[in-house]
Amino acid sequence: MKKHVLMISLSALLAACGAEKQAEAPKTEQQAAAPAEQAMQQASAEQGAVPAVDKAALAEEAKAAVQALGGTLKGELETAMKAGGPVEALDVCHTRAPEIAKAVSADKGMQVSRVSLKNRNPVMGAPNEWQTQVLNEFETRKAAGEDPAALAYAEVAGNEFRFMKAIPTGAVCLKCHGTEISPEVSAKLTELYPDDKATGFKEGDLRGAFVVVKNLAP
C-alpha cells in the first residue's frame, strides 16, 4: 500500500514538473525573441525615419537665399551694364555668379544655384532628374495661365529639402539671352561659354530656375 501511494505521489510530482516546463517554455521563447524583435523594429524605424520639419519655414529661408543670390547678382550686372554694356556684364556674370552663389550658400547653410534646360554653362547649370521634372512642370503651369514670376516648388524628399523658383526672362535679359544678339555679345558668349544654349528667349519666357537644397540629416 505504501509503495502504491509512493508511486502515485512520484507520478504526480513528475507530471507537475512537466507541466511547469511546458508553461515556462513559451515564456522563455518570448524572452529570447524580444531583444531581436526590438532591434529589428529600431533598425526599421531608423531607416525609415524622416526628420520632422517645418516646410513653410524652410521655404521662407529658401526664398531669402534666392533673393540674396538674385538681388546681389542683378545689382552687379546693372552696374556693369551702365559701365560697359552687355559685354562687360557677361564678364561680371561669368566671374561673379559662381562666387556669389558660393558665398550665399555658405551664409544660408543651403546649396543655392541656378539651372536651365537651355543652360549657358552645362557644368554648373545643367539640371538633374528632379530639377528637370520641376522645370517642365513650370512650363506646364505657365501655359495654363500662372504668372511666371510666381512659379515656385518646395518638397521634403527623405533627408533633403528642395526648393525651386522660376526665372522669367526680362527685357534687359534679351541683350544676352534673346533672339537678336549683337556681334560683340555673340563673340563674347563664344569666348566665355563655348557650349552656350541660353539664347533665343523672348520676354516672359522661362529662362530657368533658382535651386535651393538643404540637407536635413541629423
N, C-alpha and C. Protein backbone atom coordinates (compact mmCIF):
# COMPACT_ATOMS: atom_id res chain seq x y z
N MET A 1 0.84 -1.20 0.00
CA MET A 1 0.00 0.00 0.00
C MET A 1 0.88 1.25 0.00
N LYS A 2 1.86 1.28 0.90
CA LYS A 2 2.76 2.43 0.96
C LYS A 2 3.50 2.59 -0.35
N LYS A 3 3.89 1.46 -0.95
CA LYS A 3 4.60 1.51 -2.23
C LYS A 3 3.72 2.09 -3.31
N HIS A 4 2.42 1.74 -3.28
CA HIS A 4 1.48 2.22 -4.29
C HIS A 4 1.27 3.73 -4.14
N VAL A 5 1.16 4.16 -2.88
CA VAL A 5 0.97 5.60 -2.62
C VAL A 5 2.21 6.38 -3.05
N LEU A 6 3.39 5.79 -2.81
CA LEU A 6 4.64 6.46 -3.18
C LEU A 6 4.74 6.62 -4.69
N MET A 7 4.32 5.60 -5.43
CA MET A 7 4.37 5.66 -6.89
C MET A 7 3.41 6.71 -7.42
N ILE A 8 2.23 6.80 -6.81
CA ILE A 8 1.24 7.82 -7.23
C ILE A 8 1.79 9.22 -6.98
N SER A 9 2.42 9.39 -5.82
CA SER A 9 2.97 10.70 -5.47
C SER A 9 4.09 11.09 -6.43
N LEU A 10 4.93 10.10 -6.75
CA LEU A 10 6.03 10.37 -7.67
C LEU A 10 5.52 10.74 -9.06
N SER A 11 4.47 10.03 -9.50
CA SER A 11 3.89 10.32 -10.82
C SER A 11 3.31 11.72 -10.85
N ALA A 12 2.65 12.09 -9.75
CA ALA A 12 2.05 13.43 -9.67
C ALA A 12 3.13 14.50 -9.70
N LEU A 13 4.24 14.22 -9.00
CA LEU A 13 5.33 15.19 -8.96
C LEU A 13 5.95 15.37 -10.34
N LEU A 14 6.17 14.26 -11.05
CA LEU A 14 6.75 14.33 -12.40
C LEU A 14 5.82 15.06 -13.35
N ALA A 15 4.52 14.80 -13.22
CA ALA A 15 3.54 15.46 -14.08
C ALA A 15 3.54 16.96 -13.83
N ALA A 16 3.65 17.33 -12.57
CA ALA A 16 3.66 18.76 -12.21
C ALA A 16 4.90 19.44 -12.78
N CYS A 17 6.05 18.75 -12.68
CA CYS A 17 7.29 19.32 -13.23
C CYS A 17 7.19 19.49 -14.73
N GLY A 18 6.61 18.50 -15.40
CA GLY A 18 6.45 18.58 -16.85
C GLY A 18 5.56 19.72 -17.26
N ALA A 19 4.47 19.90 -16.51
CA ALA A 19 3.53 20.99 -16.82
C ALA A 19 4.20 22.33 -16.62
N GLU A 20 5.03 22.42 -15.56
CA GLU A 20 5.72 23.68 -15.27
C GLU A 20 6.68 24.03 -16.40
N LYS A 21 7.40 23.00 -16.91
CA LYS A 21 8.34 23.23 -18.00
C LYS A 21 7.61 23.66 -19.26
N GLN A 22 6.42 23.03 -19.54
CA GLN A 22 5.65 23.40 -20.72
C GLN A 22 5.14 24.82 -20.60
N ALA A 23 4.76 25.21 -19.40
CA ALA A 23 4.25 26.56 -19.19
C ALA A 23 5.36 27.59 -19.33
N GLU A 24 6.58 27.20 -18.89
CA GLU A 24 7.69 28.13 -18.94
C GLU A 24 8.28 28.26 -20.33
N ALA A 25 8.13 27.21 -21.17
CA ALA A 25 8.78 27.20 -22.48
C ALA A 25 8.37 28.38 -23.35
N PRO A 26 7.05 28.65 -23.51
CA PRO A 26 6.68 29.80 -24.33
C PRO A 26 7.24 31.10 -23.79
N LYS A 27 7.26 31.27 -22.47
CA LYS A 27 7.77 32.48 -21.86
C LYS A 27 9.25 32.64 -22.19
N THR A 28 9.99 31.52 -22.13
CA THR A 28 11.42 31.57 -22.42
C THR A 28 11.65 31.96 -23.87
N GLU A 29 10.85 31.44 -24.82
CA GLU A 29 10.98 31.77 -26.23
C GLU A 29 10.68 33.25 -26.47
N GLN A 30 9.67 33.76 -25.80
CA GLN A 30 9.32 35.17 -25.95
C GLN A 30 10.44 36.06 -25.46
N GLN A 31 11.03 35.63 -24.32
CA GLN A 31 12.13 36.43 -23.78
C GLN A 31 13.32 36.42 -24.72
N ALA A 32 13.57 35.28 -25.36
CA ALA A 32 14.70 35.18 -26.28
C ALA A 32 14.44 35.99 -27.54
N ALA A 33 13.18 36.03 -28.00
CA ALA A 33 12.85 36.72 -29.24
C ALA A 33 12.74 38.22 -29.06
N ALA A 34 12.40 38.67 -27.87
CA ALA A 34 12.14 40.09 -27.64
C ALA A 34 13.29 41.00 -28.04
N PRO A 35 14.53 40.74 -27.59
CA PRO A 35 15.61 41.65 -27.97
C PRO A 35 15.82 41.74 -29.48
N ALA A 36 15.73 40.61 -30.18
CA ALA A 36 15.91 40.62 -31.63
C ALA A 36 14.80 41.40 -32.31
N GLU A 37 13.57 41.19 -31.84
CA GLU A 37 12.43 41.90 -32.43
C GLU A 37 12.55 43.40 -32.19
N GLN A 38 12.95 43.76 -30.98
CA GLN A 38 13.11 45.18 -30.67
C GLN A 38 14.22 45.80 -31.53
N ALA A 39 15.29 45.04 -31.74
CA ALA A 39 16.39 45.54 -32.56
C ALA A 39 15.95 45.75 -34.00
N MET A 40 15.14 44.80 -34.52
CA MET A 40 14.64 44.93 -35.88
C MET A 40 13.72 46.13 -36.01
N GLN A 41 12.84 46.33 -35.02
CA GLN A 41 11.93 47.46 -35.05
C GLN A 41 12.70 48.78 -35.00
N GLN A 42 13.74 48.81 -34.16
CA GLN A 42 14.54 50.02 -34.05
C GLN A 42 15.28 50.32 -35.35
N ALA A 43 15.85 49.27 -35.95
CA ALA A 43 16.57 49.46 -37.22
C ALA A 43 15.63 49.92 -38.31
N SER A 44 14.42 49.33 -38.34
CA SER A 44 13.44 49.73 -39.34
C SER A 44 13.03 51.17 -39.16
N ALA A 45 12.84 51.56 -37.90
CA ALA A 45 12.44 52.94 -37.62
C ALA A 45 13.54 53.91 -38.02
N GLU A 46 14.81 53.50 -37.77
CA GLU A 46 15.92 54.39 -38.11
C GLU A 46 16.05 54.54 -39.61
N GLN A 47 15.85 53.45 -40.36
CA GLN A 47 15.98 53.50 -41.80
C GLN A 47 14.88 54.35 -42.42
N GLY A 48 13.68 54.27 -41.89
CA GLY A 48 12.56 55.00 -42.47
C GLY A 48 12.30 56.32 -41.82
N ALA A 49 13.15 56.73 -40.89
CA ALA A 49 12.90 57.96 -40.16
C ALA A 49 13.07 59.17 -41.05
N VAL A 50 12.09 60.07 -41.02
CA VAL A 50 12.16 61.34 -41.72
C VAL A 50 12.06 62.43 -40.67
N PRO A 51 13.05 63.30 -40.59
CA PRO A 51 13.03 64.32 -39.55
C PRO A 51 11.81 65.21 -39.66
N ALA A 52 11.26 65.58 -38.52
CA ALA A 52 10.12 66.49 -38.51
C ALA A 52 10.61 67.88 -38.89
N VAL A 53 10.01 68.45 -39.92
CA VAL A 53 10.46 69.76 -40.40
C VAL A 53 9.25 70.66 -40.64
N ASP A 54 9.51 71.95 -40.59
CA ASP A 54 8.51 72.95 -40.92
C ASP A 54 8.78 73.39 -42.36
N LYS A 55 8.06 72.78 -43.31
CA LYS A 55 8.34 73.05 -44.72
C LYS A 55 8.10 74.51 -45.08
N ALA A 56 7.08 75.10 -44.48
CA ALA A 56 6.79 76.51 -44.77
C ALA A 56 7.94 77.41 -44.32
N ALA A 57 8.49 77.11 -43.15
CA ALA A 57 9.61 77.91 -42.64
C ALA A 57 10.84 77.73 -43.52
N LEU A 58 11.09 76.48 -43.95
CA LEU A 58 12.22 76.22 -44.83
C LEU A 58 12.05 76.93 -46.17
N ALA A 59 10.81 76.97 -46.66
CA ALA A 59 10.54 77.66 -47.93
C ALA A 59 10.85 79.14 -47.81
N GLU A 60 10.54 79.73 -46.67
CA GLU A 60 10.85 81.15 -46.46
C GLU A 60 12.36 81.37 -46.42
N GLU A 61 13.07 80.44 -45.79
CA GLU A 61 14.54 80.54 -45.77
C GLU A 61 15.10 80.43 -47.19
N ALA A 62 14.51 79.52 -47.97
CA ALA A 62 14.96 79.33 -49.34
C ALA A 62 14.70 80.58 -50.18
N LYS A 63 13.54 81.19 -49.98
CA LYS A 63 13.22 82.42 -50.72
C LYS A 63 14.22 83.52 -50.38
N ALA A 64 14.61 83.59 -49.11
CA ALA A 64 15.60 84.59 -48.70
C ALA A 64 16.95 84.33 -49.38
N ALA A 65 17.30 83.05 -49.50
CA ALA A 65 18.56 82.69 -50.17
C ALA A 65 18.50 83.05 -51.65
N VAL A 66 17.36 82.80 -52.27
CA VAL A 66 17.18 83.16 -53.69
C VAL A 66 17.29 84.66 -53.87
N GLN A 67 16.66 85.41 -52.97
CA GLN A 67 16.71 86.87 -53.04
C GLN A 67 18.14 87.37 -52.87
N ALA A 68 18.89 86.72 -51.98
CA ALA A 68 20.28 87.13 -51.76
C ALA A 68 21.12 86.91 -53.01
N LEU A 69 20.96 85.75 -53.64
CA LEU A 69 21.72 85.46 -54.86
C LEU A 69 21.25 86.33 -56.01
N GLY A 70 19.94 86.31 -56.27
CA GLY A 70 19.41 87.06 -57.40
C GLY A 70 19.59 88.56 -57.26
N GLY A 71 19.35 89.07 -56.06
CA GLY A 71 19.48 90.51 -55.83
C GLY A 71 20.90 91.00 -55.97
N THR A 72 21.84 90.26 -55.39
CA THR A 72 23.25 90.66 -55.46
C THR A 72 23.76 90.61 -56.90
N LEU A 73 23.44 89.52 -57.59
CA LEU A 73 23.91 89.37 -58.97
C LEU A 73 23.28 90.43 -59.87
N LYS A 74 22.00 90.68 -59.69
CA LYS A 74 21.32 91.70 -60.50
C LYS A 74 21.95 93.07 -60.31
N GLY A 75 22.26 93.41 -59.06
CA GLY A 75 22.88 94.70 -58.78
C GLY A 75 24.22 94.86 -59.47
N GLU A 76 25.03 93.82 -59.42
CA GLU A 76 26.35 93.89 -60.05
C GLU A 76 26.25 93.93 -61.58
N LEU A 77 25.26 93.22 -62.12
CA LEU A 77 25.08 93.24 -63.58
C LEU A 77 24.60 94.60 -64.06
N GLU A 78 23.71 95.21 -63.29
CA GLU A 78 23.22 96.54 -63.66
C GLU A 78 24.36 97.56 -63.65
N THR A 79 25.23 97.45 -62.66
CA THR A 79 26.39 98.35 -62.60
C THR A 79 27.31 98.13 -63.79
N ALA A 80 27.53 96.87 -64.15
CA ALA A 80 28.39 96.55 -65.29
C ALA A 80 27.76 97.02 -66.60
N MET A 81 26.45 96.88 -66.73
CA MET A 81 25.76 97.33 -67.94
C MET A 81 25.93 98.83 -68.13
N LYS A 82 25.82 99.57 -67.05
CA LYS A 82 25.97 101.03 -67.14
C LYS A 82 27.41 101.42 -67.46
N ALA A 83 28.35 100.63 -66.95
CA ALA A 83 29.76 100.96 -67.15
C ALA A 83 30.28 100.56 -68.53
N GLY A 84 29.88 99.40 -69.02
CA GLY A 84 30.46 98.93 -70.28
C GLY A 84 29.53 98.12 -71.16
N GLY A 85 28.23 98.16 -70.88
CA GLY A 85 27.29 97.46 -71.72
C GLY A 85 27.25 95.96 -71.47
N PRO A 86 26.53 95.22 -72.32
CA PRO A 86 26.34 93.78 -72.11
C PRO A 86 27.62 92.96 -72.16
N VAL A 87 28.62 93.41 -72.90
CA VAL A 87 29.87 92.65 -72.97
C VAL A 87 30.55 92.63 -71.60
N GLU A 88 30.59 93.78 -70.94
CA GLU A 88 31.17 93.82 -69.60
C GLU A 88 30.30 93.06 -68.61
N ALA A 89 28.99 93.13 -68.81
CA ALA A 89 28.08 92.40 -67.92
C ALA A 89 28.32 90.90 -68.02
N LEU A 90 28.62 90.42 -69.21
CA LEU A 90 28.92 89.00 -69.39
C LEU A 90 30.17 88.60 -68.62
N ASP A 91 31.19 89.46 -68.65
CA ASP A 91 32.41 89.18 -67.88
C ASP A 91 32.10 89.08 -66.39
N VAL A 92 31.27 90.02 -65.91
CA VAL A 92 30.91 90.03 -64.49
C VAL A 92 30.10 88.78 -64.14
N CYS A 93 29.14 88.45 -64.99
CA CYS A 93 28.30 87.27 -64.72
C CYS A 93 29.15 86.00 -64.71
N HIS A 94 30.07 85.90 -65.64
CA HIS A 94 30.93 84.71 -65.74
C HIS A 94 31.78 84.52 -64.50
N THR A 95 32.27 85.64 -63.97
CA THR A 95 33.17 85.58 -62.81
C THR A 95 32.43 85.58 -61.49
N ARG A 96 31.46 86.47 -61.37
CA ARG A 96 30.85 86.72 -60.08
C ARG A 96 29.69 85.78 -59.74
N ALA A 97 28.96 85.32 -60.71
CA ALA A 97 27.80 84.47 -60.41
C ALA A 97 28.18 83.25 -59.56
N PRO A 98 29.22 82.49 -59.93
CA PRO A 98 29.61 81.35 -59.08
C PRO A 98 30.09 81.77 -57.70
N GLU A 99 30.80 82.90 -57.63
CA GLU A 99 31.30 83.37 -56.34
C GLU A 99 30.16 83.79 -55.42
N ILE A 100 29.19 84.49 -55.98
CA ILE A 100 28.04 84.93 -55.17
C ILE A 100 27.24 83.73 -54.70
N ALA A 101 27.02 82.76 -55.59
CA ALA A 101 26.27 81.56 -55.21
C ALA A 101 26.98 80.81 -54.09
N LYS A 102 28.29 80.72 -54.17
CA LYS A 102 29.07 80.03 -53.13
C LYS A 102 28.97 80.76 -51.80
N ALA A 103 29.06 82.10 -51.84
CA ALA A 103 29.00 82.89 -50.61
C ALA A 103 27.62 82.81 -49.96
N VAL A 104 26.57 82.89 -50.77
CA VAL A 104 25.21 82.81 -50.24
C VAL A 104 24.95 81.42 -49.66
N SER A 105 25.42 80.39 -50.33
CA SER A 105 25.24 79.01 -49.84
C SER A 105 25.87 78.84 -48.47
N ALA A 106 27.08 79.37 -48.31
CA ALA A 106 27.78 79.26 -47.02
C ALA A 106 27.06 80.07 -45.95
N ASP A 107 26.57 81.24 -46.31
CA ASP A 107 25.91 82.11 -45.34
C ASP A 107 24.57 81.55 -44.89
N LYS A 108 23.82 80.97 -45.81
CA LYS A 108 22.47 80.49 -45.51
C LYS A 108 22.43 79.03 -45.06
N GLY A 109 23.52 78.31 -45.20
CA GLY A 109 23.51 76.90 -44.85
C GLY A 109 22.68 76.06 -45.80
N MET A 110 22.57 76.52 -47.04
CA MET A 110 21.82 75.82 -48.08
C MET A 110 22.63 75.89 -49.38
N GLN A 111 22.46 74.89 -50.23
CA GLN A 111 23.13 74.92 -51.52
C GLN A 111 22.25 75.69 -52.50
N VAL A 112 22.74 76.83 -52.97
CA VAL A 112 21.96 77.71 -53.84
C VAL A 112 22.61 77.77 -55.22
N SER A 113 21.81 77.58 -56.27
CA SER A 113 22.36 77.58 -57.62
C SER A 113 21.27 77.98 -58.61
N ARG A 114 21.64 77.98 -59.90
CA ARG A 114 20.68 78.24 -60.97
C ARG A 114 20.82 77.14 -62.02
N VAL A 115 19.68 76.69 -62.57
CA VAL A 115 19.71 75.67 -63.60
C VAL A 115 18.75 76.07 -64.73
N SER A 116 18.95 75.45 -65.89
CA SER A 116 18.08 75.73 -67.03
C SER A 116 18.13 74.56 -68.00
N LEU A 117 17.01 74.33 -68.68
CA LEU A 117 17.01 73.33 -69.74
C LEU A 117 17.85 73.82 -70.92
N LYS A 118 17.93 75.15 -71.07
CA LYS A 118 18.80 75.77 -72.08
C LYS A 118 19.86 76.55 -71.32
N ASN A 119 20.82 75.83 -70.78
CA ASN A 119 21.80 76.45 -69.88
C ASN A 119 22.95 77.08 -70.64
N ARG A 120 23.58 78.02 -69.97
CA ARG A 120 24.74 78.72 -70.53
C ARG A 120 26.03 77.97 -70.22
N ASN A 121 26.07 77.38 -69.05
CA ASN A 121 27.25 76.62 -68.61
C ASN A 121 26.79 75.23 -68.19
N PRO A 122 26.98 74.21 -69.03
CA PRO A 122 26.48 72.86 -68.70
C PRO A 122 27.11 72.25 -67.47
N VAL A 123 28.31 72.71 -67.11
CA VAL A 123 28.98 72.16 -65.93
C VAL A 123 28.26 72.60 -64.65
N MET A 124 27.78 73.83 -64.63
CA MET A 124 27.16 74.37 -63.42
C MET A 124 25.65 74.54 -63.55
N GLY A 125 25.13 74.61 -64.77
CA GLY A 125 23.73 74.96 -64.94
C GLY A 125 22.82 73.86 -65.44
N ALA A 126 23.35 72.65 -65.60
CA ALA A 126 22.51 71.55 -66.10
C ALA A 126 21.68 70.97 -64.96
N PRO A 127 20.36 70.84 -65.14
CA PRO A 127 19.51 70.30 -64.08
C PRO A 127 19.64 68.78 -63.98
N ASN A 128 19.45 68.27 -62.75
CA ASN A 128 19.40 66.82 -62.58
C ASN A 128 17.98 66.34 -62.86
N GLU A 129 17.69 65.09 -62.53
CA GLU A 129 16.40 64.49 -62.91
C GLU A 129 15.21 65.21 -62.27
N TRP A 130 15.25 65.41 -60.95
CA TRP A 130 14.09 66.02 -60.31
C TRP A 130 13.96 67.50 -60.68
N GLN A 131 15.08 68.16 -60.90
CA GLN A 131 15.04 69.56 -61.31
C GLN A 131 14.47 69.71 -62.72
N THR A 132 14.82 68.78 -63.59
CA THR A 132 14.27 68.78 -64.95
C THR A 132 12.76 68.61 -64.91
N GLN A 133 12.30 67.71 -64.04
CA GLN A 133 10.86 67.48 -63.91
C GLN A 133 10.15 68.75 -63.45
N VAL A 134 10.74 69.45 -62.48
CA VAL A 134 10.12 70.68 -61.98
C VAL A 134 10.12 71.76 -63.05
N LEU A 135 11.21 71.89 -63.79
CA LEU A 135 11.26 72.88 -64.87
C LEU A 135 10.17 72.62 -65.91
N ASN A 136 9.95 71.36 -66.24
CA ASN A 136 8.88 71.02 -67.18
C ASN A 136 7.50 71.32 -66.59
N GLU A 137 7.36 71.08 -65.28
CA GLU A 137 6.09 71.41 -64.61
C GLU A 137 5.85 72.91 -64.62
N PHE A 138 6.92 73.69 -64.45
CA PHE A 138 6.79 75.15 -64.52
C PHE A 138 6.26 75.57 -65.89
N GLU A 139 6.78 74.96 -66.94
CA GLU A 139 6.32 75.28 -68.29
C GLU A 139 4.84 74.96 -68.45
N THR A 140 4.43 73.83 -67.89
CA THR A 140 3.02 73.43 -67.96
C THR A 140 2.14 74.41 -67.20
N ARG A 141 2.57 74.80 -66.03
CA ARG A 141 1.80 75.75 -65.21
C ARG A 141 1.74 77.12 -65.88
N LYS A 142 2.83 77.54 -66.49
CA LYS A 142 2.83 78.82 -67.21
C LYS A 142 1.85 78.77 -68.38
N ALA A 143 1.86 77.66 -69.11
CA ALA A 143 0.94 77.51 -70.25
C ALA A 143 -0.52 77.51 -69.80
N ALA A 144 -0.74 77.09 -68.55
CA ALA A 144 -2.10 77.07 -68.00
C ALA A 144 -2.54 78.43 -67.48
N GLY A 145 -1.63 79.41 -67.53
CA GLY A 145 -2.01 80.77 -67.15
C GLY A 145 -1.39 81.31 -65.88
N GLU A 146 -0.55 80.53 -65.20
CA GLU A 146 0.07 81.03 -63.97
C GLU A 146 1.13 82.08 -64.28
N ASP A 147 1.29 83.02 -63.36
CA ASP A 147 2.29 84.07 -63.50
C ASP A 147 3.69 83.46 -63.40
N PRO A 148 4.53 83.60 -64.43
CA PRO A 148 5.87 83.01 -64.39
C PRO A 148 6.69 83.47 -63.19
N ALA A 149 6.50 84.73 -62.79
CA ALA A 149 7.28 85.26 -61.67
C ALA A 149 6.89 84.64 -60.34
N ALA A 150 5.72 84.01 -60.29
CA ALA A 150 5.24 83.43 -59.03
C ALA A 150 5.44 81.92 -58.96
N LEU A 151 5.97 81.33 -60.00
CA LEU A 151 6.12 79.87 -60.02
C LEU A 151 7.19 79.42 -59.04
N ALA A 152 6.80 78.54 -58.12
CA ALA A 152 7.74 78.01 -57.13
C ALA A 152 7.36 76.58 -56.79
N TYR A 153 8.30 75.89 -56.19
CA TYR A 153 8.12 74.47 -55.85
C TYR A 153 8.90 74.18 -54.58
N ALA A 154 8.31 73.39 -53.68
CA ALA A 154 9.00 73.01 -52.44
C ALA A 154 8.57 71.60 -52.04
N GLU A 155 9.52 70.80 -51.59
CA GLU A 155 9.20 69.46 -51.11
C GLU A 155 10.29 68.98 -50.15
N VAL A 156 9.93 68.00 -49.33
CA VAL A 156 10.90 67.30 -48.50
C VAL A 156 11.00 65.88 -49.05
N ALA A 157 12.18 65.51 -49.49
CA ALA A 157 12.41 64.18 -50.05
C ALA A 157 13.47 63.48 -49.22
N GLY A 158 13.04 62.52 -48.39
CA GLY A 158 13.98 61.86 -47.49
C GLY A 158 14.54 62.85 -46.50
N ASN A 159 15.84 62.95 -46.47
CA ASN A 159 16.52 63.89 -45.57
C ASN A 159 16.95 65.17 -46.30
N GLU A 160 16.19 65.55 -47.32
CA GLU A 160 16.58 66.71 -48.13
C GLU A 160 15.38 67.61 -48.39
N PHE A 161 15.57 68.90 -48.17
CA PHE A 161 14.56 69.90 -48.54
C PHE A 161 14.94 70.48 -49.89
N ARG A 162 13.96 70.56 -50.78
CA ARG A 162 14.21 71.04 -52.13
C ARG A 162 13.27 72.21 -52.46
N PHE A 163 13.84 73.22 -53.09
CA PHE A 163 13.05 74.40 -53.45
C PHE A 163 13.52 74.92 -54.80
N MET A 164 12.56 75.33 -55.63
CA MET A 164 12.90 75.94 -56.91
C MET A 164 12.01 77.16 -57.15
N LYS A 165 12.58 78.18 -57.74
CA LYS A 165 11.87 79.42 -58.07
C LYS A 165 12.18 79.77 -59.51
N ALA A 166 11.13 79.91 -60.33
CA ALA A 166 11.31 80.17 -61.75
C ALA A 166 11.98 81.51 -62.01
N ILE A 167 12.73 81.58 -63.11
CA ILE A 167 13.38 82.82 -63.55
C ILE A 167 12.76 83.23 -64.89
N PRO A 168 11.86 84.21 -64.89
CA PRO A 168 11.30 84.68 -66.16
C PRO A 168 12.32 85.56 -66.90
N THR A 169 12.21 85.61 -68.19
CA THR A 169 13.11 86.44 -68.99
C THR A 169 12.59 87.87 -69.02
N GLY A 170 13.41 88.79 -68.50
CA GLY A 170 13.05 90.20 -68.53
C GLY A 170 13.57 90.88 -69.78
N ALA A 171 13.12 92.11 -70.02
CA ALA A 171 13.53 92.83 -71.22
C ALA A 171 15.04 93.03 -71.27
N VAL A 172 15.65 93.34 -70.12
CA VAL A 172 17.09 93.59 -70.11
C VAL A 172 17.89 92.31 -70.38
N CYS A 173 17.28 91.15 -70.10
CA CYS A 173 17.97 89.87 -70.32
C CYS A 173 18.16 89.56 -71.80
N LEU A 174 17.33 90.19 -72.66
CA LEU A 174 17.33 89.84 -74.08
C LEU A 174 18.62 90.22 -74.79
N LYS A 175 19.37 91.16 -74.23
CA LYS A 175 20.63 91.56 -74.86
C LYS A 175 21.63 90.41 -74.91
N CYS A 176 21.53 89.50 -73.94
CA CYS A 176 22.44 88.35 -73.89
C CYS A 176 21.72 87.01 -74.05
N HIS A 177 20.39 87.02 -73.94
CA HIS A 177 19.63 85.77 -74.00
C HIS A 177 18.55 85.76 -75.07
N GLY A 178 18.42 86.86 -75.81
CA GLY A 178 17.31 86.98 -76.76
C GLY A 178 17.57 86.37 -78.13
N THR A 179 16.77 86.82 -79.08
CA THR A 179 16.86 86.30 -80.45
C THR A 179 17.73 87.19 -81.33
N GLU A 180 17.90 88.44 -80.93
CA GLU A 180 18.71 89.38 -81.71
C GLU A 180 19.89 89.86 -80.86
N ILE A 181 21.00 89.18 -81.00
CA ILE A 181 22.19 89.45 -80.19
C ILE A 181 23.25 90.10 -81.07
N SER A 182 23.87 91.15 -80.55
CA SER A 182 24.88 91.87 -81.32
C SER A 182 26.10 90.99 -81.58
N PRO A 183 26.85 91.29 -82.64
CA PRO A 183 28.07 90.51 -82.93
C PRO A 183 29.07 90.52 -81.78
N GLU A 184 29.18 91.67 -81.10
CA GLU A 184 30.12 91.77 -79.98
C GLU A 184 29.73 90.83 -78.84
N VAL A 185 28.44 90.82 -78.53
CA VAL A 185 27.95 89.94 -77.47
C VAL A 185 28.08 88.48 -77.90
N SER A 186 27.77 88.19 -79.14
CA SER A 186 27.87 86.83 -79.65
C SER A 186 29.31 86.32 -79.55
N ALA A 187 30.26 87.18 -79.89
CA ALA A 187 31.68 86.79 -79.81
C ALA A 187 32.09 86.54 -78.37
N LYS A 188 31.60 87.36 -77.45
CA LYS A 188 31.93 87.19 -76.03
C LYS A 188 31.32 85.90 -75.49
N LEU A 189 30.12 85.60 -75.92
CA LEU A 189 29.47 84.35 -75.49
C LEU A 189 30.27 83.14 -75.96
N THR A 190 30.75 83.19 -77.18
CA THR A 190 31.55 82.09 -77.71
C THR A 190 32.85 81.93 -76.93
N GLU A 191 33.42 83.06 -76.52
CA GLU A 191 34.66 83.04 -75.75
C GLU A 191 34.46 82.46 -74.35
N LEU A 192 33.42 82.94 -73.66
CA LEU A 192 33.20 82.54 -72.27
C LEU A 192 32.42 81.25 -72.12
N TYR A 193 31.49 81.02 -73.04
CA TYR A 193 30.59 79.86 -72.93
C TYR A 193 30.52 79.13 -74.28
N PRO A 194 31.52 78.37 -74.63
CA PRO A 194 31.52 77.69 -75.94
C PRO A 194 30.37 76.71 -76.13
N ASP A 195 29.77 76.24 -75.04
CA ASP A 195 28.64 75.30 -75.14
C ASP A 195 27.31 75.97 -74.82
N ASP A 196 27.26 77.28 -74.99
CA ASP A 196 26.07 78.05 -74.63
C ASP A 196 24.82 77.61 -75.40
N LYS A 197 23.72 77.44 -74.65
CA LYS A 197 22.42 77.14 -75.25
C LYS A 197 21.37 78.15 -74.81
N ALA A 198 21.80 79.16 -74.03
CA ALA A 198 20.85 80.06 -73.38
C ALA A 198 20.52 81.30 -74.20
N THR A 199 20.15 81.10 -75.47
CA THR A 199 19.73 82.21 -76.32
C THR A 199 18.40 81.83 -76.99
N GLY A 200 17.82 82.81 -77.67
CA GLY A 200 16.56 82.54 -78.37
C GLY A 200 15.33 82.76 -77.51
N PHE A 201 15.50 83.35 -76.32
CA PHE A 201 14.37 83.60 -75.43
C PHE A 201 13.63 84.87 -75.84
N LYS A 202 12.36 84.91 -75.48
CA LYS A 202 11.54 86.11 -75.63
C LYS A 202 11.15 86.59 -74.24
N GLU A 203 10.78 87.85 -74.13
CA GLU A 203 10.39 88.39 -72.83
C GLU A 203 9.21 87.59 -72.28
N GLY A 204 9.34 87.17 -71.03
CA GLY A 204 8.29 86.39 -70.38
C GLY A 204 8.54 84.89 -70.41
N ASP A 205 9.46 84.45 -71.29
CA ASP A 205 9.80 83.02 -71.32
C ASP A 205 10.46 82.60 -70.01
N LEU A 206 10.32 81.32 -69.67
CA LEU A 206 11.03 80.80 -68.50
C LEU A 206 12.47 80.49 -68.91
N ARG A 207 13.39 81.22 -68.33
CA ARG A 207 14.81 81.06 -68.68
C ARG A 207 15.48 79.98 -67.85
N GLY A 208 14.88 79.61 -66.74
CA GLY A 208 15.45 78.61 -65.84
C GLY A 208 14.85 78.77 -64.46
N ALA A 209 15.62 78.38 -63.45
CA ALA A 209 15.12 78.48 -62.08
C ALA A 209 16.27 78.52 -61.09
N PHE A 210 16.01 79.18 -59.98
CA PHE A 210 16.90 79.09 -58.83
C PHE A 210 16.62 77.76 -58.14
N VAL A 211 17.66 77.13 -57.62
CA VAL A 211 17.52 75.87 -56.89
C VAL A 211 18.14 76.03 -55.51
N VAL A 212 17.39 75.61 -54.49
CA VAL A 212 17.90 75.63 -53.12
C VAL A 212 17.72 74.24 -52.54
N VAL A 213 18.79 73.67 -52.01
CA VAL A 213 18.74 72.34 -51.40
C VAL A 213 19.36 72.42 -50.01
N LYS A 214 18.67 71.84 -49.03
CA LYS A 214 19.17 71.82 -47.65
C LYS A 214 19.18 70.39 -47.14
N ASN A 215 20.31 69.97 -46.60
CA ASN A 215 20.44 68.64 -46.02
C ASN A 215 19.82 68.63 -44.63
N LEU A 216 18.85 67.75 -44.41
CA LEU A 216 18.13 67.69 -43.14
C LEU A 216 18.63 66.57 -42.23
N ALA A 217 19.62 65.82 -42.68
CA ALA A 217 20.12 64.70 -41.87
C ALA A 217 20.68 65.22 -40.55
N PRO A 218 20.38 64.51 -39.44
CA PRO A 218 20.89 64.96 -38.12
C PRO A 218 22.41 64.84 -38.04
